[in-house]
């Protein structure tokens, strides 16, 4: 075997190795591209959901604050909710009965 034939075989083997390497890189690139694309879509969906939730919460909080800051609401709340000392004794008795009623119902459940 001459030097020219040896060199020809080595260059052919090198070409086959480089071709196989190029095919492997292409397959990895395609799979990687799909994964990168999927991750980018997931990240953009997550970011858009977070942004929309944040915007809606901020808008809701702002509207509630505006609503509560209106003088009509505070006047209504002052009239609708009496102070502790203005409560009737019947209301206090009803609250006490609810507490004991809840305790009794738990005791009945334990007996069964």
Protein backbone atom coordinates (compact mmCIF):
# COMPACT_ATOMS: atom_id res chain seq x y z
CA UNK A 1 0.00 0.00 0.00
CA UNK A 2 1.41 3.29 -1.06
CA UNK A 3 1.30 6.59 0.75
CA UNK A 4 -1.31 7.96 -1.69
CA UNK A 5 -3.66 5.04 -1.05
CA UNK A 6 -3.21 5.40 2.73
CA UNK A 7 -3.92 9.11 2.50
CA UNK A 8 -7.01 8.42 0.38
CA UNK A 9 -8.39 5.95 2.97
CA UNK A 10 -7.69 8.35 5.85
CA UNK A 11 -9.43 11.27 4.12
CA UNK A 12 -12.42 9.06 3.32
CA UNK A 13 -12.65 7.93 6.95
CA UNK A 14 -12.37 11.55 8.08
CA UNK A 15 -15.20 12.51 5.72
CA UNK A 16 -17.41 9.70 7.08
CA UNK A 17 -16.66 10.71 10.68
CA UNK A 18 -17.43 14.39 9.97
CA UNK A 19 -20.66 13.44 8.20
CA UNK A 20 -21.77 11.30 11.14
CA UNK A 21 -20.88 14.14 13.52
CA UNK A 22 -22.87 16.61 11.40
CA UNK A 23 -25.92 14.28 11.46
CA UNK A 24 -25.68 13.92 15.25
CA UNK A 25 -25.36 17.70 15.70
CA UNK A 26 -28.39 18.22 13.43
CA UNK A 27 -30.51 15.77 15.43
CA UNK A 28 -29.47 17.38 18.72
CA UNK A 29 -30.19 20.81 17.23
CA UNK A 30 -33.69 19.83 16.14
CA UNK A 31 -34.52 18.31 19.53
CA UNK A 32 -32.96 21.29 21.32
CA UNK A 33 -34.89 23.72 19.13
CA UNK A 34 -38.16 22.02 20.02
CA UNK A 35 -37.31 22.14 23.73
CA UNK A 36 -36.22 25.79 23.56
CA UNK A 37 -39.40 26.66 21.67
CA UNK A 38 -41.54 24.83 24.22
CA UNK A 39 -39.76 26.56 27.11
CA UNK A 40 -40.17 29.95 25.43
CA UNK A 41 -43.90 29.38 24.93
CA UNK A 42 -44.32 28.24 28.54
CA UNK A 43 -42.40 31.27 29.82
CA UNK A 44 -44.43 33.69 27.71
CA UNK A 45 -47.74 32.14 28.82
CA UNK A 46 -46.63 32.26 32.46
CA UNK A 47 -45.52 35.88 32.12
CA UNK A 48 -48.76 36.94 30.44
CA UNK A 49 -50.88 35.22 33.10
CA UNK A 50 -48.85 36.85 35.89
CA UNK A 51 -49.12 40.25 34.23
CA UNK A 52 -52.87 39.96 33.73
CA UNK A 53 -53.43 38.77 37.30
CA UNK A 54 -51.27 41.58 38.67
CA UNK A 55 -53.08 44.15 36.54
CA UNK A 56 -56.52 42.90 37.55
CA UNK A 57 -55.57 42.79 41.24
CA UNK A 58 -54.13 46.30 41.06
CA UNK A 59 -57.25 47.56 39.31
CA UNK A 60 -59.51 45.83 41.82
CA UNK A 61 -57.60 47.18 44.80
CA UNK A 62 -57.73 50.66 43.32
CA UNK A 63 -61.45 50.48 42.74
CA UNK A 64 -62.10 49.17 46.25
CA UNK A 65 -60.00 51.96 47.71
CA UNK A 66 -61.90 54.55 45.68
CA UNK A 67 -65.18 53.02 46.78
CA UNK A 68 -64.21 53.00 50.45
CA UNK A 69 -62.85 56.53 50.32
CA UNK A 70 -66.16 57.91 49.14
CA UNK A 71 -67.86 59.79 51.96
CA UNK A 72 -71.21 58.20 51.15
CA UNK A 73 -69.92 54.77 52.01
CA UNK A 74 -68.48 55.83 55.34
CA UNK A 75 -71.70 57.61 56.24
CA UNK A 76 -73.68 54.52 55.31
CA UNK A 77 -71.37 52.27 57.31
CA UNK A 78 -71.61 54.56 60.33
CA UNK A 79 -75.39 54.39 60.21
CA UNK A 80 -75.63 50.67 59.40
CA UNK A 81 -73.16 49.37 61.96
CA UNK A 82 -73.86 50.64 65.47
CA UNK A 83 -71.11 50.94 68.01
CA UNK A 84 -70.65 48.22 70.64
CA UNK A 85 -72.41 50.22 73.34
CA UNK A 86 -75.41 50.81 71.06
CA UNK A 87 -76.06 47.10 70.57
CA UNK A 88 -79.16 45.74 72.14
CA UNK A 89 -78.92 43.14 74.90
CA UNK A 90 -80.96 40.80 72.72
CA UNK A 91 -78.20 40.79 70.11
CA UNK A 92 -75.61 39.90 72.74
CA UNK A 93 -77.84 37.07 74.02
CA UNK A 94 -78.30 35.75 70.49
CA UNK A 95 -74.55 35.71 69.95
CA UNK A 96 -74.08 33.83 73.24
CA UNK A 97 -76.74 31.31 72.24
CA UNK A 98 -75.03 30.65 68.92
CA UNK A 99 -71.81 29.84 70.73
CA UNK A 100 -73.50 27.38 73.07
CA UNK A 101 -75.56 25.93 70.23
CA UNK A 102 -72.35 25.20 68.31
CA UNK A 103 -70.87 23.54 71.40
CA UNK A 104 -74.02 21.42 71.89
CA UNK A 105 -74.05 20.26 68.27
CA UNK A 106 -70.44 19.10 68.56
CA UNK A 107 -71.34 17.19 71.72
CA UNK A 108 -74.26 15.50 69.91
CA UNK A 109 -71.95 14.44 67.12
CA UNK A 110 -69.53 12.91 69.64
CA UNK A 111 -72.35 10.91 71.27
CA UNK A 112 -73.34 9.29 67.96
